[in-house]
C-alpha atoms as a PDB file:
ATOM      1  CA  GLY A   1     -52.176 -35.786 -53.541  1.00  0.00           C
ATOM      2  CA  ILE A   2     -49.000 -33.881 -54.350  1.00  0.00           C
ATOM      3  CA  ILE A   3     -47.426 -36.906 -56.011  1.00  0.00           C
ATOM      4  CA  MET A   4     -50.576 -37.359 -58.098  1.00  0.00           C
ATOM      5  CA  LEU A   5     -50.381 -33.729 -59.230  1.00  0.00           C
ATOM      6  CA  PHE A   6     -46.680 -34.116 -60.003  1.00  0.00           C
ATOM      7  CA  ASN A   7     -47.529 -37.138 -62.158  1.00  0.00           C
ATOM      8  CA  ILE A   8     -50.186 -35.158 -64.024  1.00  0.00           C
ATOM      9  CA  PHE A   9     -48.266 -31.928 -64.609  1.00  0.00           C
ATOM     10  CA  PHE A  10     -44.553 -32.806 -64.575  1.00  0.00           C
ATOM     11  CA  ALA A  11     -42.020 -35.381 -65.699  1.00  0.00           C
ATOM     12  CA  PRO A  12     -41.278 -38.474 -63.602  1.00  0.00           C
ATOM     13  CA  VAL A  13     -37.991 -36.897 -62.524  1.00  0.00           C
ATOM     14  CA  VAL A  14     -39.980 -34.449 -60.340  1.00  0.00           C
ATOM     15  CA  VAL A  15     -41.709 -37.377 -58.630  1.00  0.00           C
ATOM     16  CA  ALA A  16     -38.280 -38.932 -58.013  1.00  0.00           C
ATOM     17  CA  ALA A  17     -36.993 -35.653 -56.550  1.00  0.00           C
ATOM     18  CA  GLN A  18     -39.978 -35.503 -54.199  1.00  0.00           C
ATOM     19  CA  ALA A  19     -39.441 -39.130 -53.143  1.00  0.00           C
ATOM     20  CA  ILE A  20     -35.776 -38.437 -52.371  1.00  0.00           C
ATOM     21  CA  SER A  21     -36.638 -35.378 -50.281  1.00  0.00           C
ATOM     22  CA  ASN A  22     -39.264 -37.408 -48.420  1.00  0.00           C
ATOM     23  CA  GLN A  23     -36.639 -40.042 -47.563  1.00  0.00           C
ATOM     24  CA  ILE A  24     -34.334 -37.356 -46.180  1.00  0.00           C
ATOM     25  CA  SER A  25     -37.185 -35.934 -44.115  1.00  0.00           C
ATOM     26  CA  VAL A  26     -38.102 -39.358 -42.739  1.00  0.00           C
ATOM     27  CA  ALA A  27     -34.486 -40.003 -41.692  1.00  0.00           C
ATOM     28  CA  LEU A  28     -34.218 -36.634 -39.944  1.00  0.00           C
ATOM     29  CA  MET A  29     -37.607 -36.852 -38.248  1.00  0.00           C
ATOM     30  CA  GLN A  30     -37.138 -40.464 -37.143  1.00  0.00           C
ATOM     31  CA  PHE A  31     -34.255 -39.380 -34.948  1.00  0.00           C
ATOM     32  CA  VAL A  32     -36.198 -36.410 -33.578  1.00  0.00           C
ATOM     33  CA  ASN A  33     -39.364 -38.448 -32.987  1.00  0.00           C
ATOM     34  CA  ASN A  34     -37.368 -40.897 -30.876  1.00  0.00           C
ATOM     35  CA  VAL A  35     -36.423 -38.006 -28.602  1.00  0.00           C
ATOM     36  CA  ARG A  36     -40.009 -36.752 -28.540  1.00  0.00           C
ATOM     37  CA  GLN A  37     -41.298 -40.241 -27.757  1.00  0.00           C
ATOM     38  CA  ALA A  38     -39.246 -40.235 -24.562  1.00  0.00           C
ATOM     39  CA  VAL A  39     -40.886 -36.988 -23.373  1.00  0.00           C
ATOM     40  CA  ASN A  40     -44.514 -37.579 -24.397  1.00  0.00           C
ATOM     41  CA  PRO A  41     -45.495 -40.038 -21.631  1.00  0.00           C
ATOM     42  CA  GLN A  42     -44.336 -37.579 -18.988  1.00  0.00           C
ATOM     43  CA  VAL A  43     -46.355 -34.753 -20.589  1.00  0.00           C
ATOM     44  CA  ILE A  44     -49.470 -36.932 -20.595  1.00  0.00           C
ATOM     45  CA  LYS A  45     -48.860 -38.082 -17.010  1.00  0.00           C
ATOM     46  CA  LEU A  46     -48.498 -34.508 -15.755  1.00  0.00           C
ATOM     47  CA  TYR A  47     -51.676 -33.490 -17.559  1.00  0.00           C
ATOM     48  CA  ALA A  48     -53.600 -36.481 -16.204  1.00  0.00           C
ATOM     49  CA  ASP A  49     -52.443 -35.547 -12.690  1.00  0.00           C
ATOM     50  CA  LYS A  50     -53.884 -32.045 -13.326  1.00  0.00           C
ATOM     51  CA  GLN A  51     -50.423 -30.503 -13.176  1.00  0.00           C
ATOM     52  CA  TYR A  52     -51.182 -28.311 -16.186  1.00  0.00           C
ATOM     53  CA  LYS A  53     -48.420 -25.746 -15.681  1.00  0.00           C
ATOM     54  CA  GLU A  54     -45.770 -28.459 -15.376  1.00  0.00           C
ATOM     55  CA  SER A  55     -47.163 -30.254 -18.440  1.00  0.00           C
ATOM     56  CA  GLN A  56     -47.080 -26.980 -20.376  1.00  0.00           C
ATOM     57  CA  ARG A  57     -43.547 -26.204 -19.181  1.00  0.00           C
ATOM     58  CA  LEU A  58     -42.304 -29.642 -20.237  1.00  0.00           C
ATOM     59  CA  THR A  59     -44.014 -29.280 -23.617  1.00  0.00           C
ATOM     60  CA  PHE A  60     -42.359 -25.917 -24.253  1.00  0.00           C
ATOM     61  CA  MET A  61     -38.975 -27.143 -23.014  1.00  0.00           C
ATOM     62  CA  SER A  62     -39.072 -30.241 -25.189  1.00  0.00           C
ATOM     63  CA  ALA A  63     -40.180 -28.193 -28.222  1.00  0.00           C
ATOM     64  CA  GLU A  64     -37.266 -25.843 -27.663  1.00  0.00           C
ATOM     65  CA  TYR A  65     -34.709 -28.641 -27.233  1.00  0.00           C
ATOM     66  CA  ILE A  66     -36.000 -30.517 -30.251  1.00  0.00           C
ATOM     67  CA  PHE A  67     -35.977 -27.292 -32.278  1.00  0.00           C
ATOM     68  CA  ASP A  68     -32.333 -26.805 -31.302  1.00  0.00           C
ATOM     69  CA  LEU A  69     -31.580 -30.399 -32.249  1.00  0.00           C
ATOM     70  CA  LEU A  70     -33.312 -29.939 -35.595  1.00  0.00           C
ATOM     71  CA  LEU A  71     -31.306 -26.778 -36.218  1.00  0.00           C
ATOM     72  CA  LEU A  72     -28.107 -28.608 -35.288  1.00  0.00           C
ATOM     73  CA  LEU A  73     -28.874 -31.384 -37.770  1.00  0.00           C
ATOM     74  CA  GLY A  74     -30.870 -29.463 -40.368  1.00  0.00           C
ATOM     75  CA  VAL A  75     -28.925 -26.289 -41.067  1.00  0.00           C
ATOM     76  CA  PRO A  76     -25.652 -28.056 -41.949  1.00  0.00           C
ATOM     77  CA  SER A  77     -27.631 -30.543 -44.044  1.00  0.00           C
ATOM     78  CA  ILE A  78     -29.280 -27.698 -45.944  1.00  0.00           C
ATOM     79  CA  MET A  79     -25.909 -26.086 -46.590  1.00  0.00           C
ATOM     80  CA  VAL A  80     -24.220 -29.237 -47.899  1.00  0.00           C
ATOM     81  CA  MET A  81     -27.279 -30.737 -49.613  1.00  0.00           C
ATOM     82  CA  PRO A  82     -25.869 -30.540 -53.180  1.00  0.00           C
ATOM     83  CA  ALA A  83     -22.696 -32.373 -52.161  1.00  0.00           C
ATOM     84  CA  LEU A  84     -24.645 -34.813 -49.984  1.00  0.00           C
ATOM     85  CA  LEU A  85     -26.977 -35.791 -52.827  1.00  0.00           C
ATOM     86  CA  ASP A  86     -24.042 -36.037 -55.262  1.00  0.00           C
ATOM     87  CA  LEU A  87     -22.403 -38.461 -52.853  1.00  0.00           C
ATOM     88  CA  TRP A  88     -25.590 -40.477 -52.315  1.00  0.00           C
ATOM     89  CA  LEU A  89     -26.950 -40.607 -55.886  1.00  0.00           C
ATOM     90  CA  VAL A  90     -25.361 -41.253 -59.250  1.00  0.00           C
ATOM     91  CA  ASP A  91     -27.671 -38.791 -61.040  1.00  0.00           C
ATOM     92  CA  VAL A  92     -29.305 -36.145 -58.859  1.00  0.00           C
ATOM     93  CA  PRO A  93     -32.774 -35.381 -60.275  1.00  0.00           C
ATOM     94  CA  ASP A  94     -33.759 -31.811 -61.006  1.00  0.00           C
ATOM     95  CA  TYR A  95     -35.400 -30.156 -57.993  1.00  0.00           C
ATOM     96  CA  ALA A  96     -34.066 -32.800 -55.566  1.00  0.00           C
ATOM     97  CA  VAL A  97     -31.737 -30.380 -53.806  1.00  0.00           C
ATOM     98  CA  ALA A  98     -34.347 -27.620 -53.541  1.00  0.00           C
ATOM     99  CA  PHE A  99     -37.066 -30.047 -52.425  1.00  0.00           C
ATOM    100  CA  ALA A 100     -34.783 -31.546 -49.768  1.00  0.00           C
ATOM    101  CA  GLN A 101     -33.702 -28.138 -48.465  1.00  0.00           C
ATOM    102  CA  LEU A 102     -37.275 -26.863 -48.263  1.00  0.00           C
ATOM    103  CA  ILE A 103     -38.580 -30.009 -46.600  1.00  0.00           C
ATOM    104  CA  ILE A 104     -35.898 -29.733 -43.908  1.00  0.00           C
ATOM    105  CA  VAL A 105     -36.944 -26.126 -43.247  1.00  0.00           C
ATOM    106  CA  GLN A 106     -40.546 -27.347 -43.078  1.00  0.00           C
ATOM    107  CA  ASP A 107     -39.563 -30.065 -40.596  1.00  0.00           C
ATOM    108  CA  ILE A 108     -37.720 -27.550 -38.417  1.00  0.00           C
ATOM    109  CA  LEU A 109     -40.686 -25.189 -38.295  1.00  0.00           C
ATOM    110  CA  GLY A 110     -43.209 -28.027 -38.042  1.00  0.00           C
ATOM    111  CA  ASN A 111     -41.583 -29.142 -34.805  1.00  0.00           C
ATOM    112  CA  PHE A 112     -43.769 -26.749 -32.836  1.00  0.00           C
ATOM    113  CA  SER A 113     -46.992 -28.153 -34.208  1.00  0.00           C
ATOM    114  CA  ALA A 114     -45.801 -31.694 -33.455  1.00  0.00           C
ATOM    115  CA  ALA A 115     -44.810 -30.711 -29.906  1.00  0.00           C
ATOM    116  CA  PHE A 116     -48.342 -29.541 -29.105  1.00  0.00           C
ATOM    117  CA  TYR A 117     -49.988 -32.634 -30.527  1.00  0.00           C
ATOM    118  CA  THR A 118     -49.346 -34.614 -27.317  1.00  0.00           C
ATOM    119  CA  PRO A 119     -50.973 -32.082 -24.941  1.00  0.00           C
ATOM    120  CA  MET A 120     -53.971 -31.851 -27.296  1.00  0.00           C
ATOM    121  CA  LEU A 121     -54.178 -35.633 -27.227  1.00  0.00           C
ATOM    122  CA  ALA A 122     -54.009 -35.627 -23.421  1.00  0.00           C
ATOM    123  CA  ALA A 123     -56.750 -32.974 -23.243  1.00  0.00           C
ATOM    124  CA  ASN A 124     -58.884 -34.816 -25.836  1.00  0.00           C
ATOM    125  CA  LYS A 125     -58.920 -31.717 -28.057  1.00  0.00           C
ATOM    126  CA  LEU A 126     -57.797 -33.107 -31.398  1.00  0.00           C
ATOM    127  CA  SER A 127     -61.057 -32.708 -33.296  1.00  0.00           C
ATOM    128  CA  LYS A 128     -60.628 -29.025 -34.243  1.00  0.00           C
ATOM    129  CA  ASN A 129     -57.014 -29.603 -35.206  1.00  0.00           C
ATOM    130  CA  SER A 130     -57.932 -32.619 -37.324  1.00  0.00           C
ATOM    131  CA  ILE A 131     -60.741 -30.771 -39.094  1.00  0.00           C
ATOM    132  CA  ALA A 132     -58.468 -27.785 -39.762  1.00  0.00           C
ATOM    133  CA  SER A 133     -55.787 -30.115 -41.093  1.00  0.00           C
ATOM    134  CA  VAL A 134     -58.196 -31.731 -43.555  1.00  0.00           C
ATOM    135  CA  PHE A 135     -59.414 -28.369 -44.816  1.00  0.00           C
ATOM    136  CA  ILE A 136     -55.898 -27.013 -45.215  1.00  0.00           C
ATOM    137  CA  CYS A 137     -54.865 -30.128 -47.146  1.00  0.00           C
ATOM    138  CA  ILE A 138     -57.860 -29.813 -49.465  1.00  0.00           C
ATOM    139  CA  ILE A 139     -57.205 -26.111 -50.015  1.00  0.00           C
ATOM    140  CA  GLN A 140     -53.530 -26.836 -50.631  1.00  0.00           C
ATOM    141  CA  PHE A 141     -54.410 -29.522 -53.197  1.00  0.00           C
ATOM    142  CA  VAL A 142     -56.809 -27.229 -55.068  1.00  0.00           C
ATOM    143  CA  LEU A 143     -54.341 -24.337 -55.002  1.00  0.00           C
ATOM    144  CA  LEU A 144     -51.584 -26.562 -56.336  1.00  0.00           C
ATOM    145  CA  TRP A 145     -53.854 -27.843 -59.094  1.00  0.00           C
ATOM    146  CA  ILE A 146     -54.593 -24.256 -60.135  1.00  0.00           C
ATOM    147  CA  LEU A 147     -50.954 -23.150 -59.884  1.00  0.00           C
ATOM    148  CA  PHE A 148     -49.698 -26.127 -61.857  1.00  0.00           C
ATOM    149  CA  ALA A 149     -52.407 -25.585 -64.500  1.00  0.00           C
ATOM    150  CA  LEU A 150     -51.136 -21.990 -64.786  1.00  0.00           C
ATOM    151  CA  ASP A 151     -47.600 -23.337 -65.416  1.00  0.00           C
ATOM    152  CA  PHE A 152     -46.145 -22.557 -62.010  1.00  0.00           C
ATOM    153  CA  GLY A 153     -43.166 -24.770 -61.183  1.00  0.00           C
ATOM    154  CA  PRO A 154     -43.102 -27.831 -58.910  1.00  0.00           C
ATOM    155  CA  LEU A 155     -41.355 -25.905 -56.133  1.00  0.00           C
ATOM    156  CA  TRP A 156     -44.712 -24.307 -55.354  1.00  0.00           C
ATOM    157  CA  ALA A 157     -45.739 -27.603 -53.763  1.00  0.00           C
ATOM    158  CA  ARG A 158     -42.977 -27.191 -51.197  1.00  0.00           C
ATOM    159  CA  TYR A 159     -43.731 -23.475 -50.738  1.00  0.00           C
ATOM    160  CA  LEU A 160     -47.370 -24.221 -49.932  1.00  0.00           C
ATOM    161  CA  ALA A 161     -46.390 -27.088 -47.631  1.00  0.00           C
ATOM    162  CA  LEU A 162     -43.993 -24.741 -45.833  1.00  0.00           C
ATOM    163  CA  LEU A 163     -46.730 -22.114 -45.500  1.00  0.00           C
ATOM    164  CA  SER A 164     -49.109 -24.768 -44.161  1.00  0.00           C
ATOM    165  CA  SER A 165     -46.510 -25.869 -41.636  1.00  0.00           C
ATOM    166  CA  ILE A 166     -45.994 -22.299 -40.484  1.00  0.00           C
ATOM    167  CA  MET A 167     -49.741 -21.841 -40.077  1.00  0.00           C
ATOM    168  CA  PHE A 168     -50.082 -24.957 -37.929  1.00  0.00           C
ATOM    169  CA  SER A 169     -46.975 -24.223 -35.885  1.00  0.00           C
ATOM    170  CA  PHE A 170     -47.380 -20.560 -35.151  1.00  0.00           C
ATOM    171  CA  VAL A 171     -50.995 -19.561 -35.781  1.00  0.00           C
END
């Protein structure tokens, strides 16, 4: 939906900047998800064996280690993002650096929500989370439509996504 709104309200260069930041996010999260994929079966096994405290402990430990890993990879990337994109691209689109930096922050904070997805799956308690996710996405889309119609800039898409990530991770 965000790309559709970018196409309606902004120039194609904003869509390109969003696509570039998405590629950076996918590369960062692919590495992290490989680590998480190694832990998830053990979390599910502990939960299935009714070892809830151990399952919870492993979930928290893995979330903490993956958070540290994301900080180790993400913070330096955020700091050198202008130079990194200059090296990677011939012409860096407007907003590409800011989008990429904000999406990395979102990925770092979103780690906690992703870490608790596996225990919810093991406990068969995804329905409330899924319903909340749909509603937040719809609200985010409508808010962005209104903000863009009021001439707010494209960075508001990343701000709202970051806020959404914080809500799911910490609330």
